[in-house]
PDB file of N, CA and C in Angstrom:
ATOM      1  N   MET A   1       0.837  -1.163   0.000  1.00  0.00           N
ATOM      2  CA  MET A   1       0.000   0.000   0.000  1.00  0.00           C
ATOM      3  C   MET A   1       0.883   1.227   0.000  1.00  0.00           C
ATOM      4  N   SER A   2       0.544   2.140  -0.865  1.00  0.00           N
ATOM      5  CA  SER A   2       1.339   3.337  -1.056  1.00  0.00           C
ATOM      6  C   SER A   2       0.669   4.516  -0.344  1.00  0.00           C
ATOM      7  N   ILE A   3       1.479   5.420   0.134  1.00  0.00           N
ATOM      8  CA  ILE A   3       0.975   6.594   0.849  1.00  0.00           C
ATOM      9  C   ILE A   3       0.639   7.738  -0.102  1.00  0.00           C
ATOM     10  N   ALA A   4       1.105   7.662  -1.329  1.00  0.00           N
ATOM     11  CA  ALA A   4       0.884   8.730  -2.306  1.00  0.00           C
ATOM     12  C   ALA A   4      -0.581   8.967  -2.588  1.00  0.00           C
ATOM     13  N   PRO A   5      -1.442   7.953  -2.759  1.00  0.00           N
ATOM     14  CA  PRO A   5      -2.855   8.237  -2.999  1.00  0.00           C
ATOM     15  C   PRO A   5      -3.531   8.922  -1.812  1.00  0.00           C
ATOM     16  N   LEU A   6      -3.102   8.591  -0.612  1.00  0.00           N
ATOM     17  CA  LEU A   6      -3.693   9.223   0.575  1.00  0.00           C
ATOM     18  C   LEU A   6      -3.322  10.703   0.640  1.00  0.00           C
ATOM     19  N   LEU A   7      -2.078  11.024   0.317  1.00  0.00           N
ATOM     20  CA  LEU A   7      -1.647  12.423   0.317  1.00  0.00           C
ATOM     21  C   LEU A   7      -2.357  13.223  -0.765  1.00  0.00           C
ATOM     22  N   ALA A   8      -2.550  12.608  -1.921  1.00  0.00           N
ATOM     23  CA  ALA A   8      -3.246  13.297  -3.007  1.00  0.00           C
ATOM     24  C   ALA A   8      -4.686  13.569  -2.631  1.00  0.00           C
ATOM     25  N   THR A   9      -5.329  12.625  -1.954  1.00  0.00           N
ATOM     26  CA  THR A   9      -6.715  12.819  -1.508  1.00  0.00           C
ATOM     27  C   THR A   9      -6.786  13.928  -0.465  1.00  0.00           C
ATOM     28  N   ALA A  10      -5.843  13.972   0.450  1.00  0.00           N
ATOM     29  CA  ALA A  10      -5.839  14.999   1.488  1.00  0.00           C
ATOM     30  C   ALA A  10      -5.600  16.379   0.898  1.00  0.00           C
ATOM     31  N   GLN A  11      -4.704  16.474  -0.090  1.00  0.00           N
ATOM     32  CA  GLN A  11      -4.432  17.756  -0.731  1.00  0.00           C
ATOM     33  C   GLN A  11      -5.630  18.229  -1.534  1.00  0.00           C
ATOM     34  N   ALA A  12      -6.312  17.302  -2.193  1.00  0.00           N
ATOM     35  CA  ALA A  12      -7.487  17.665  -2.984  1.00  0.00           C
ATOM     36  C   ALA A  12      -8.610  18.146  -2.073  1.00  0.00           C
ATOM     37  N   ALA A  13      -8.759  17.518  -0.907  1.00  0.00           N
ATOM     38  CA  ALA A  13      -9.808  17.910   0.026  1.00  0.00           C
ATOM     39  C   ALA A  13      -9.516  19.283   0.620  1.00  0.00           C
ATOM     40  N   SER A  14      -8.252  19.543   0.901  1.00  0.00           N
ATOM     41  CA  SER A  14      -7.922  20.835   1.512  1.00  0.00           C
ATOM     42  C   SER A  14      -7.889  21.952   0.480  1.00  0.00           C
ATOM     43  N   ALA A  15      -7.666  21.617  -0.785  1.00  0.00           N
ATOM     44  CA  ALA A  15      -7.631  22.645  -1.817  1.00  0.00           C
ATOM     45  C   ALA A  15      -9.011  23.211  -2.078  1.00  0.00           C
ATOM     46  N   GLY A  16     -10.030  22.413  -1.908  1.00  0.00           N
ATOM     47  CA  GLY A  16     -11.382  22.890  -2.168  1.00  0.00           C
ATOM     48  C   GLY A  16     -11.993  23.605  -0.975  1.00  0.00           C
ATOM     49  N   ALA A  17     -11.424  23.433   0.225  1.00  0.00           N
ATOM     50  CA  ALA A  17     -11.985  24.050   1.423  1.00  0.00           C
ATOM     51  C   ALA A  17     -11.612  25.522   1.469  1.00  0.00           C
ATOM     52  N   PRO A  18     -12.537  26.365   1.831  1.00  0.00           N
ATOM     53  CA  PRO A  18     -12.230  27.793   1.931  1.00  0.00           C
ATOM     54  C   PRO A  18     -11.291  28.041   3.114  1.00  0.00           C
ATOM     55  N   THR A  19     -10.358  28.937   2.938  1.00  0.00           N
ATOM     56  CA  THR A  19      -9.425  29.267   4.018  1.00  0.00           C
ATOM     57  C   THR A  19      -9.906  30.542   4.692  1.00  0.00           C
ATOM     58  N   THR A  20      -9.801  30.569   6.008  1.00  0.00           N
ATOM     59  CA  THR A  20     -10.209  31.750   6.770  1.00  0.00           C
ATOM     60  C   THR A  20      -8.982  32.360   7.406  1.00  0.00           C
ATOM     61  N   SER A  21      -8.966  33.650   7.457  1.00  0.00           N
ATOM     62  CA  SER A  21      -7.866  34.365   8.107  1.00  0.00           C
ATOM     63  C   SER A  21      -8.293  34.654   9.538  1.00  0.00           C
ATOM     64  N   GLY A  22      -7.741  33.943  10.484  1.00  0.00           N
ATOM     65  CA  GLY A  22      -8.098  34.115  11.897  1.00  0.00           C
ATOM     66  C   GLY A  22      -7.025  34.843  12.657  1.00  0.00           C
ATOM     67  N   GLY A  23      -6.274  35.724  12.020  1.00  0.00           N
ATOM     68  CA  GLY A  23      -5.185  36.432  12.684  1.00  0.00           C
ATOM     69  C   GLY A  23      -5.649  37.281  13.840  1.00  0.00           C
ATOM     70  N   GLY A  24      -6.729  38.030  13.667  1.00  0.00           N
ATOM     71  CA  GLY A  24      -7.231  38.895  14.730  1.00  0.00           C
ATOM     72  C   GLY A  24      -7.799  38.103  15.886  1.00  0.00           C
ATOM     73  N   ILE A  25      -8.510  37.047  15.564  1.00  0.00           N
ATOM     74  CA  ILE A  25      -9.102  36.221  16.611  1.00  0.00           C
ATOM     75  C   ILE A  25      -8.013  35.480  17.374  1.00  0.00           C
ATOM     76  N   ASP A  26      -7.016  34.975  16.655  1.00  0.00           N
ATOM     77  CA  ASP A  26      -5.916  34.277  17.316  1.00  0.00           C
ATOM     78  C   ASP A  26      -5.165  35.212  18.258  1.00  0.00           C
ATOM     79  N   PHE A  27      -4.930  36.442  17.845  1.00  0.00           N
ATOM     80  CA  PHE A  27      -4.242  37.410  18.697  1.00  0.00           C
ATOM     81  C   PHE A  27      -5.061  37.692  19.950  1.00  0.00           C
ATOM     82  N   PHE A  28      -6.362  37.862  19.792  1.00  0.00           N
ATOM     83  CA  PHE A  28      -7.228  38.132  20.936  1.00  0.00           C
ATOM     84  C   PHE A  28      -7.239  36.946  21.901  1.00  0.00           C
ATOM     85  N   MET A  29      -7.267  35.749  21.369  1.00  0.00           N
ATOM     86  CA  MET A  29      -7.276  34.558  22.218  1.00  0.00           C
ATOM     87  C   MET A  29      -5.956  34.427  22.993  1.00  0.00           C
ATOM     88  N   GLN A  30      -4.862  34.888  22.425  1.00  0.00           N
ATOM     89  CA  GLN A  30      -3.586  34.850  23.136  1.00  0.00           C
ATOM     90  C   GLN A  30      -3.510  35.943  24.195  1.00  0.00           C
ATOM     91  N   MET A  31      -4.230  37.031  24.027  1.00  0.00           N
ATOM     92  CA  MET A  31      -4.186  38.137  24.972  1.00  0.00           C
ATOM     93  C   MET A  31      -5.111  37.925  26.169  1.00  0.00           C
ATOM     94  N   ILE A  32      -6.090  37.046  26.053  1.00  0.00           N
ATOM     95  CA  ILE A  32      -7.047  36.824  27.140  1.00  0.00           C
ATOM     96  C   ILE A  32      -6.346  36.422  28.439  1.00  0.00           C
ATOM     97  N   PRO A  33      -5.414  35.456  28.456  1.00  0.00           N
ATOM     98  CA  PRO A  33      -4.763  35.125  29.726  1.00  0.00           C
ATOM     99  C   PRO A  33      -3.982  36.298  30.324  1.00  0.00           C
ATOM    100  N   LEU A  34      -3.338  37.083  29.485  1.00  0.00           N
ATOM    101  CA  LEU A  34      -2.600  38.234  29.982  1.00  0.00           C
ATOM    102  C   LEU A  34      -3.538  39.263  30.618  1.00  0.00           C
ATOM    103  N   LEU A  35      -4.655  39.520  29.974  1.00  0.00           N
ATOM    104  CA  LEU A  35      -5.636  40.449  30.526  1.00  0.00           C
ATOM    105  C   LEU A  35      -6.233  39.915  31.823  1.00  0.00           C
ATOM    106  N   LEU A  36      -6.474  38.626  31.873  1.00  0.00           N
ATOM    107  CA  LEU A  36      -7.023  38.010  33.080  1.00  0.00           C
ATOM    108  C   LEU A  36      -6.050  38.136  34.245  1.00  0.00           C
ATOM    109  N   VAL A  37      -4.768  37.937  34.003  1.00  0.00           N
ATOM    110  CA  VAL A  37      -3.758  38.093  35.052  1.00  0.00           C
ATOM    111  C   VAL A  37      -3.725  39.535  35.538  1.00  0.00           C
ATOM    112  N   PHE A  38      -3.809  40.503  34.638  1.00  0.00           N
ATOM    113  CA  PHE A  38      -3.800  41.908  35.041  1.00  0.00           C
ATOM    114  C   PHE A  38      -5.022  42.241  35.897  1.00  0.00           C
ATOM    115  N   VAL A  39      -6.191  41.757  35.530  1.00  0.00           N
ATOM    116  CA  VAL A  39      -7.410  42.026  36.307  1.00  0.00           C
ATOM    117  C   VAL A  39      -7.287  41.429  37.702  1.00  0.00           C
ATOM    118  N   ILE A  40      -6.794  40.210  37.803  1.00  0.00           N
ATOM    119  CA  ILE A  40      -6.630  39.573  39.109  1.00  0.00           C
ATOM    120  C   ILE A  40      -5.603  40.334  39.940  1.00  0.00           C
ATOM    121  N   PHE A  41      -4.506  40.750  39.321  1.00  0.00           N
ATOM    122  CA  PHE A  41      -3.484  41.527  40.013  1.00  0.00           C
ATOM    123  C   PHE A  41      -4.068  42.837  40.528  1.00  0.00           C
ATOM    124  N   TYR A  42      -4.879  43.501  39.724  1.00  0.00           N
ATOM    125  CA  TYR A  42      -5.487  44.771  40.133  1.00  0.00           C
ATOM    126  C   TYR A  42      -6.419  44.570  41.326  1.00  0.00           C
ATOM    127  N   VAL A  43      -7.260  43.543  41.249  1.00  0.00           N
ATOM    128  CA  VAL A  43      -8.247  43.327  42.306  1.00  0.00           C
ATOM    129  C   VAL A  43      -7.583  42.896  43.611  1.00  0.00           C
ATOM    130  N   LEU A  44      -6.562  42.068  43.534  1.00  0.00           N
ATOM    131  CA  LEU A  44      -5.958  41.535  44.750  1.00  0.00           C
ATOM    132  C   LEU A  44      -4.844  42.401  45.335  1.00  0.00           C
ATOM    133  N   MET A  45      -4.189  43.238  44.529  1.00  0.00           N
ATOM    134  CA  MET A  45      -3.042  43.976  45.047  1.00  0.00           C
ATOM    135  C   MET A  45      -3.184  45.496  44.955  1.00  0.00           C
ATOM    136  N   ILE A  46      -3.523  46.013  43.811  1.00  0.00           N
ATOM    137  CA  ILE A  46      -3.498  47.462  43.621  1.00  0.00           C
ATOM    138  C   ILE A  46      -4.657  48.142  44.337  1.00  0.00           C
ATOM    139  N   ARG A  47      -5.846  47.629  44.176  1.00  0.00           N
ATOM    140  CA  ARG A  47      -7.025  48.268  44.763  1.00  0.00           C
ATOM    141  C   ARG A  47      -6.988  48.303  46.294  1.00  0.00           C
ATOM    142  N   PRO A  48      -6.640  47.201  46.984  1.00  0.00           N
ATOM    143  CA  PRO A  48      -6.539  47.291  48.449  1.00  0.00           C
ATOM    144  C   PRO A  48      -5.465  48.270  48.917  1.00  0.00           C
ATOM    145  N   GLN A  49      -4.355  48.350  48.182  1.00  0.00           N
ATOM    146  CA  GLN A  49      -3.306  49.292  48.551  1.00  0.00           C
ATOM    147  C   GLN A  49      -3.796  50.734  48.424  1.00  0.00           C
ATOM    148  N   GLN A  50      -4.571  51.014  47.386  1.00  0.00           N
ATOM    149  CA  GLN A  50      -5.125  52.360  47.231  1.00  0.00           C
ATOM    150  C   GLN A  50      -6.091  52.685  48.361  1.00  0.00           C
ATOM    151  N   ALA A  51      -6.871  51.708  48.789  1.00  0.00           N
ATOM    152  CA  ALA A  51      -7.813  51.929  49.892  1.00  0.00           C
ATOM    153  C   ALA A  51      -7.065  52.206  51.190  1.00  0.00           C
ATOM    154  N   ARG A  52      -5.979  51.458  51.444  1.00  0.00           N
ATOM    155  CA  ARG A  52      -5.182  51.698  52.655  1.00  0.00           C
ATOM    156  C   ARG A  52      -4.532  53.081  52.613  1.00  0.00           C
ATOM    157  N   ALA A  53      -4.036  53.483  51.463  1.00  0.00           N
ATOM    158  CA  ALA A  53      -3.405  54.798  51.339  1.00  0.00           C
ATOM    159  C   ALA A  53      -4.417  55.908  51.568  1.00  0.00           C
ATOM    160  N   LYS A  54      -5.626  55.731  51.053  1.00  0.00           N
ATOM    161  CA  LYS A  54      -6.673  56.741  51.244  1.00  0.00           C
ATOM    162  C   LYS A  54      -7.069  56.838  52.722  1.00  0.00           C
ATOM    163  N   ALA A  55      -7.180  55.699  53.406  1.00  0.00           N
ATOM    164  CA  ALA A  55      -7.528  55.699  54.829  1.00  0.00           C
ATOM    165  C   ALA A  55      -6.412  56.334  55.662  1.00  0.00           C
ATOM    166  N   HIS A  56      -5.164  56.056  55.304  1.00  0.00           N
ATOM    167  CA  HIS A  56      -4.029  56.644  56.029  1.00  0.00           C
ATOM    168  C   HIS A  56      -3.993  58.160  55.842  1.00  0.00           C
ATOM    169  N   ALA A  57      -4.253  58.620  54.628  1.00  0.00           N
ATOM    170  CA  ALA A  57      -4.277  60.063  54.370  1.00  0.00           C
ATOM    171  C   ALA A  57      -5.398  60.737  55.158  1.00  0.00           C
ATOM    172  N   ALA A  58      -6.550  60.085  55.253  1.00  0.00           N
ATOM    173  CA  ALA A  58      -7.654  60.648  56.030  1.00  0.00           C
ATOM    174  C   ALA A  58      -7.297  60.710  57.511  1.00  0.00           C
ATOM    175  N   THR A  59      -6.605  59.704  58.004  1.00  0.00           N
ATOM    176  CA  THR A  59      -6.178  59.696  59.399  1.00  0.00           C
ATOM    177  C   THR A  59      -5.193  60.828  59.674  1.00  0.00           C
ATOM    178  N   LEU A  60      -4.281  61.054  58.743  1.00  0.00           N
ATOM    179  CA  LEU A  60      -3.285  62.113  58.944  1.00  0.00           C
ATOM    180  C   LEU A  60      -3.912  63.495  58.919  1.00  0.00           C
ATOM    181  N   THR A  61      -4.912  63.694  58.097  1.00  0.00           N
ATOM    182  CA  THR A  61      -5.553  65.014  58.064  1.00  0.00           C
ATOM    183  C   THR A  61      -6.399  65.249  59.310  1.00  0.00           C
ATOM    184  N   ALA A  62      -6.804  64.171  60.001  1.00  0.00           N
ATOM    185  CA  ALA A  62      -7.637  64.303  61.192  1.00  0.00           C
ATOM    186  C   ALA A  62      -6.825  64.387  62.480  1.00  0.00           C
ATOM    187  N   VAL A  63      -5.501  64.422  62.393  1.00  0.00           N
ATOM    188  CA  VAL A  63      -4.669  64.513  63.598  1.00  0.00           C
ATOM    189  C   VAL A  63      -4.947  65.841  64.294  1.00  0.00           C
ATOM    190  N   LYS A  64      -5.137  65.768  65.610  1.00  0.00           N
ATOM    191  CA  LYS A  64      -5.410  66.985  66.377  1.00  0.00           C
ATOM    192  C   LYS A  64      -4.606  66.968  67.662  1.00  0.00           C
ATOM    193  N   LYS A  65      -4.579  68.087  68.321  1.00  0.00           N
ATOM    194  CA  LYS A  65      -3.837  68.234  69.568  1.00  0.00           C
ATOM    195  C   LYS A  65      -4.380  67.245  70.603  1.00  0.00           C
ATOM    196  N   GLY A  66      -3.482  66.556  71.264  1.00  0.00           N
ATOM    197  CA  GLY A  66      -3.869  65.586  72.288  1.00  0.00           C
ATOM    198  C   GLY A  66      -3.844  64.149  71.810  1.00  0.00           C
ATOM    199  N   ASP A  67      -3.784  63.922  70.512  1.00  0.00           N
ATOM    200  CA  ASP A  67      -3.719  62.551  69.994  1.00  0.00           C
ATOM    201  C   ASP A  67      -2.356  61.951  70.281  1.00  0.00           C
ATOM    202  N   GLU A  68      -2.348  60.659  70.548  1.00  0.00           N
ATOM    203  CA  GLU A  68      -1.088  59.943  70.664  1.00  0.00           C
ATOM    204  C   GLU A  68      -0.753  59.389  69.295  1.00  0.00           C
ATOM    205  N   VAL A  69       0.501  59.592  68.889  1.00  0.00           N
ATOM    206  CA  VAL A  69       0.920  59.162  67.555  1.00  0.00           C
ATOM    207  C   VAL A  69       2.157  58.290  67.659  1.00  0.00           C
ATOM    208  N   ILE A  70       2.377  57.512  66.611  1.00  0.00           N
ATOM    209  CA  ILE A  70       3.583  56.706  66.469  1.00  0.00           C
ATOM    210  C   ILE A  70       4.227  57.125  65.166  1.00  0.00           C
ATOM    211  N   THR A  71       5.494  57.538  65.239  1.00  0.00           N
ATOM    212  CA  THR A  71       6.184  57.995  64.036  1.00  0.00           C
ATOM    213  C   THR A  71       6.759  56.807  63.272  1.00  0.00           C
ATOM    214  N   GLY A  72       7.266  57.095  62.088  1.00  0.00           N
ATOM    215  CA  GLY A  72       7.874  56.052  61.262  1.00  0.00           C
ATOM    216  C   GLY A  72       9.091  55.425  61.909  1.00  0.00           C
ATOM    217  N   GLY A  73       9.742  56.141  62.788  1.00  0.00           N
ATOM    218  CA  GLY A  73      10.903  55.614  63.496  1.00  0.00           C
ATOM    219  C   GLY A  73      10.542  54.837  64.741  1.00  0.00           C
ATOM    220  N   GLY A  74       9.248  54.760  65.049  1.00  0.00           N
ATOM    221  CA  GLY A  74       8.802  54.004  66.214  1.00  0.00           C
ATOM    222  C   GLY A  74       8.699  54.829  67.476  1.00  0.00           C
ATOM    223  N   ILE A  75       8.820  56.137  67.375  1.00  0.00           N
ATOM    224  CA  ILE A  75       8.729  57.003  68.545  1.00  0.00           C
ATOM    225  C   ILE A  75       7.264  57.287  68.825  1.00  0.00           C
ATOM    226  N   LYS A  76       6.880  57.087  70.068  1.00  0.00           N
ATOM    227  CA  LYS A  76       5.494  57.312  70.476  1.00  0.00           C
ATOM    228  C   LYS A  76       5.439  58.586  71.313  1.00  0.00           C
ATOM    229  N   GLY A  77       4.438  59.432  71.041  1.00  0.00           N
ATOM    230  CA  GLY A  77       4.310  60.664  71.786  1.00  0.00           C
ATOM    231  C   GLY A  77       2.928  61.271  71.638  1.00  0.00           C
ATOM    232  N   ARG A  78       2.755  62.428  72.270  1.00  0.00           N
ATOM    233  CA  ARG A  78       1.466  63.119  72.254  1.00  0.00           C
ATOM    234  C   ARG A  78       1.608  64.403  71.438  1.00  0.00           C
ATOM    235  N   VAL A  79       0.653  64.664  70.558  1.00  0.00           N
ATOM    236  CA  VAL A  79       0.676  65.850  69.707  1.00  0.00           C
ATOM    237  C   VAL A  79       0.370  67.080  70.555  1.00  0.00           C
ATOM    238  N   THR A  80       1.237  68.089  70.457  1.00  0.00           N
ATOM    239  CA  THR A  80       1.015  69.333  71.188  1.00  0.00           C
ATOM    240  C   THR A  80       0.669  70.489  70.263  1.00  0.00           C
ATOM    241  N   LYS A  81       1.021  70.376  69.000  1.00  0.00           N
ATOM    242  CA  LYS A  81       0.749  71.457  68.053  1.00  0.00           C
ATOM    243  C   LYS A  81       0.632  70.845  66.656  1.00  0.00           C
ATOM    244  N   VAL A  82      -0.363  71.307  65.885  1.00  0.00           N
ATOM    245  CA  VAL A  82      -0.575  70.816  64.525  1.00  0.00           C
ATOM    246  C   VAL A  82      -0.415  71.977  63.552  1.00  0.00           C
ATOM    247  N   MET A  83       0.473  71.792  62.562  1.00  0.00           N
ATOM    248  CA  MET A  83       0.652  72.769  61.495  1.00  0.00           C
ATOM    249  C   MET A  83       0.164  72.141  60.196  1.00  0.00           C
ATOM    250  N   ASP A  84       0.372  72.829  59.080  1.00  0.00           N
ATOM    251  CA  ASP A  84      -0.131  72.318  57.803  1.00  0.00           C
ATOM    252  C   ASP A  84       0.411  70.936  57.463  1.00  0.00           C
ATOM    253  N   ASP A  85       1.731  70.804  57.416  1.00  0.00           N
ATOM    254  CA  ASP A  85       2.316  69.524  57.031  1.00  0.00           C
ATOM    255  C   ASP A  85       3.226  68.942  58.102  1.00  0.00           C
ATOM    256  N   GLU A  86       3.226  69.542  59.284  1.00  0.00           N
ATOM    257  CA  GLU A  86       4.044  69.071  60.395  1.00  0.00           C
ATOM    258  C   GLU A  86       3.222  69.022  61.665  1.00  0.00           C
ATOM    259  N   VAL A  87       3.709  68.224  62.611  1.00  0.00           N
ATOM    260  CA  VAL A  87       3.117  68.190  63.949  1.00  0.00           C
ATOM    261  C   VAL A  87       4.255  68.289  64.963  1.00  0.00           C
ATOM    262  N   GLU A  88       3.945  68.857  66.108  1.00  0.00           N
ATOM    263  CA  GLU A  88       4.905  68.902  67.201  1.00  0.00           C
ATOM    264  C   GLU A  88       4.489  67.819  68.187  1.00  0.00           C
ATOM    265  N   VAL A  89       5.421  66.919  68.474  1.00  0.00           N
ATOM    266  CA  VAL A  89       5.114  65.751  69.304  1.00  0.00           C
ATOM    267  C   VAL A  89       5.960  65.810  70.571  1.00  0.00           C
ATOM    268  N   GLU A  90       5.309  65.677  71.724  1.00  0.00           N
ATOM    269  CA  GLU A  90       6.016  65.618  72.998  1.00  0.00           C
ATOM    270  C   GLU A  90       6.293  64.151  73.295  1.00  0.00           C
ATOM    271  N   ILE A  91       7.577  63.782  73.264  1.00  0.00           N
ATOM    272  CA  ILE A  91       7.934  62.376  73.455  1.00  0.00           C
ATOM    273  C   ILE A  91       8.291  62.067  74.911  1.00  0.00           C
ATOM    274  N   ALA A  92       8.575  63.087  75.691  1.00  0.00           N
ATOM    275  CA  ALA A  92       8.839  62.969  77.125  1.00  0.00           C
ATOM    276  C   ALA A  92       8.500  64.325  77.727  1.00  0.00           C
ATOM    277  N   PRO A  93       8.307  64.401  79.044  1.00  0.00           N
ATOM    278  CA  PRO A  93       7.985  65.700  79.643  1.00  0.00           C
ATOM    279  C   PRO A  93       9.048  66.743  79.315  1.00  0.00           C
ATOM    280  N   GLY A  94       8.636  67.792  78.601  1.00  0.00           N
ATOM    281  CA  GLY A  94       9.525  68.888  78.249  1.00  0.00           C
ATOM    282  C   GLY A  94      10.330  68.662  76.976  1.00  0.00           C
ATOM    283  N   ILE A  95      10.227  67.514  76.357  1.00  0.00           N
ATOM    284  CA  ILE A  95      10.976  67.232  75.128  1.00  0.00           C
ATOM    285  C   ILE A  95       9.995  67.142  73.974  1.00  0.00           C
ATOM    286  N   LYS A  96      10.108  68.110  73.075  1.00  0.00           N
ATOM    287  CA  LYS A  96       9.206  68.164  71.922  1.00  0.00           C
ATOM    288  C   LYS A  96      10.014  68.075  70.643  1.00  0.00           C
ATOM    289  N   VAL A  97       9.485  67.332  69.693  1.00  0.00           N
ATOM    290  CA  VAL A  97      10.114  67.218  68.376  1.00  0.00           C
ATOM    291  C   VAL A  97       9.066  67.545  67.325  1.00  0.00           C
ATOM    292  N   ARG A  98       9.541  68.033  66.180  1.00  0.00           N
ATOM    293  CA  ARG A  98       8.629  68.287  65.066  1.00  0.00           C
ATOM    294  C   ARG A  98       8.770  67.140  64.079  1.00  0.00           C
ATOM    295  N   ALA A  99       7.648  66.636  63.619  1.00  0.00           N
ATOM    296  CA  ALA A  99       7.659  65.529  62.662  1.00  0.00           C
ATOM    297  C   ALA A  99       6.764  65.889  61.488  1.00  0.00           C
ATOM    298  N   VAL A 100       7.149  65.447  60.321  1.00  0.00           N
ATOM    299  CA  VAL A 100       6.324  65.636  59.130  1.00  0.00           C
ATOM    300  C   VAL A 100       5.129  64.689  59.241  1.00  0.00           C
ATOM    301  N   LYS A 101       3.944  65.172  58.919  1.00  0.00           N
ATOM    302  CA  LYS A 101       2.732  64.363  59.058  1.00  0.00           C
ATOM    303  C   LYS A 101       2.800  63.050  58.284  1.00  0.00           C
ATOM    304  N   SER A 102       3.419  63.086  57.113  1.00  0.00           N
ATOM    305  CA  SER A 102       3.434  61.878  56.288  1.00  0.00           C
ATOM    306  C   SER A 102       4.281  60.764  56.897  1.00  0.00           C
ATOM    307  N   THR A 103       5.116  61.085  57.903  1.00  0.00           N
ATOM    308  CA  THR A 103       5.918  60.045  58.544  1.00  0.00           C
ATOM    309  C   THR A 103       5.212  59.403  59.725  1.00  0.00           C
ATOM    310  N   LEU A 104       4.023  59.858  60.060  1.00  0.00           N
ATOM    311  CA  LEU A 104       3.274  59.255  61.157  1.00  0.00           C
ATOM    312  C   LEU A 104       2.673  57.930  60.685  1.00  0.00           C
ATOM    313  N   ASN A 105       2.907  56.884  61.480  1.00  0.00           N
ATOM    314  CA  ASN A 105       2.378  55.567  61.114  1.00  0.00           C
ATOM    315  C   ASN A 105       1.030  55.284  61.745  1.00  0.00           C
ATOM    316  N   GLY A 106       0.862  55.696  62.963  1.00  0.00           N
ATOM    317  CA  GLY A 106      -0.386  55.395  63.644  1.00  0.00           C
ATOM    318  C   GLY A 106      -0.852  56.550  64.496  1.00  0.00           C
ATOM    319  N   VAL A 107      -2.158  56.656  64.647  1.00  0.00           N
ATOM    320  CA  VAL A 107      -2.759  57.690  65.484  1.00  0.00           C
ATOM    321  C   VAL A 107      -3.720  57.000  66.435  1.00  0.00           C
ATOM    322  N   VAL A 108      -3.524  57.269  67.739  1.00  0.00           N
ATOM    323  CA  VAL A 108      -4.409  56.718  68.755  1.00  0.00           C
ATOM    324  C   VAL A 108      -5.083  57.902  69.425  1.00  0.00           C
ATOM    325  N   THR A 109      -6.386  58.029  69.265  1.00  0.00           N
ATOM    326  CA  THR A 109      -7.083  59.173  69.850  1.00  0.00           C
ATOM    327  C   THR A 109      -7.191  59.008  71.356  1.00  0.00           C
ATOM    328  N   ARG A 110      -7.420  60.099  72.025  1.00  0.00           N
ATOM    329  CA  ARG A 110      -7.493  60.103  73.482  1.00  0.00           C
ATOM    330  C   ARG A 110      -8.725  59.353  73.988  1.00  0.00           C
ATOM    331  N   ASP A 111      -9.774  59.251  73.189  1.00  0.00           N
ATOM    332  CA  ASP A 111     -11.022  58.638  73.626  1.00  0.00           C
ATOM    333  C   ASP A 111     -10.932  57.117  73.758  1.00  0.00           C
ATOM    334  N   THR A 112      -9.982  56.487  73.101  1.00  0.00           N
ATOM    335  CA  THR A 112      -9.886  55.043  73.162  1.00  0.00           C
ATOM    336  C   THR A 112      -9.184  54.623  74.439  1.00  0.00           C
ATOM    337  N   LYS A 113      -9.572  53.468  74.955  1.00  0.00           N
ATOM    338  CA  LYS A 113      -8.925  52.978  76.165  1.00  0.00           C
ATOM    339  C   LYS A 113      -8.088  51.753  75.833  1.00  0.00           C
ATOM    340  N   PRO A 114      -7.066  51.457  76.621  1.00  0.00           N
ATOM    341  CA  PRO A 114      -6.219  50.307  76.333  1.00  0.00           C
ATOM    342  C   PRO A 114      -6.988  48.996  76.370  1.00  0.00           C
ATOM    343  N   ALA A 115      -6.478  48.014  75.680  1.00  0.00           N
ATOM    344  CA  ALA A 115      -7.155  46.734  75.575  1.00  0.00           C
ATOM    345  C   ALA A 115      -7.126  45.961  76.891  1.00  0.00           C
ATOM    346  N   ASN A 116      -6.157  46.203  77.765  1.00  0.00           N
ATOM    347  CA  ASN A 116      -6.047  45.422  78.999  1.00  0.00           C
ATOM    348  C   ASN A 116      -6.833  46.018  80.155  1.00  0.00           C
ATOM    349  N   ASP A 117      -7.598  47.057  79.960  1.00  0.00           N
ATOM    350  CA  ASP A 117      -8.416  47.643  81.033  1.00  0.00           C
ATOM    351  C   ASP A 117      -9.779  47.019  81.084  1.00  0.00           C
TER     352      ASP A 117
END
């Protein structure tokens, strides 16, 4: 049995079939996984980070005299004076330092009570 008649039949069958150009569809099908990864990355990483940044900015704008704050360096103190972009923090009796608001990590208002009380 020869393979030549089978090849001739296959070529004749494919010659009569219309050919379609699927270049655009093929490109779109290859881009779907990439787009899906970007959407998942946005939902799981970028969006929560933006929400945390917005909440932190709101906390910093609400800093007022008497609040206890924690600076980026880990220094804990009480706010004695609030300026536009700086705060004056008393870290010990009679010792005051000025800190940029954006370096404050945490704000504990005077109204809250410790967890062990």
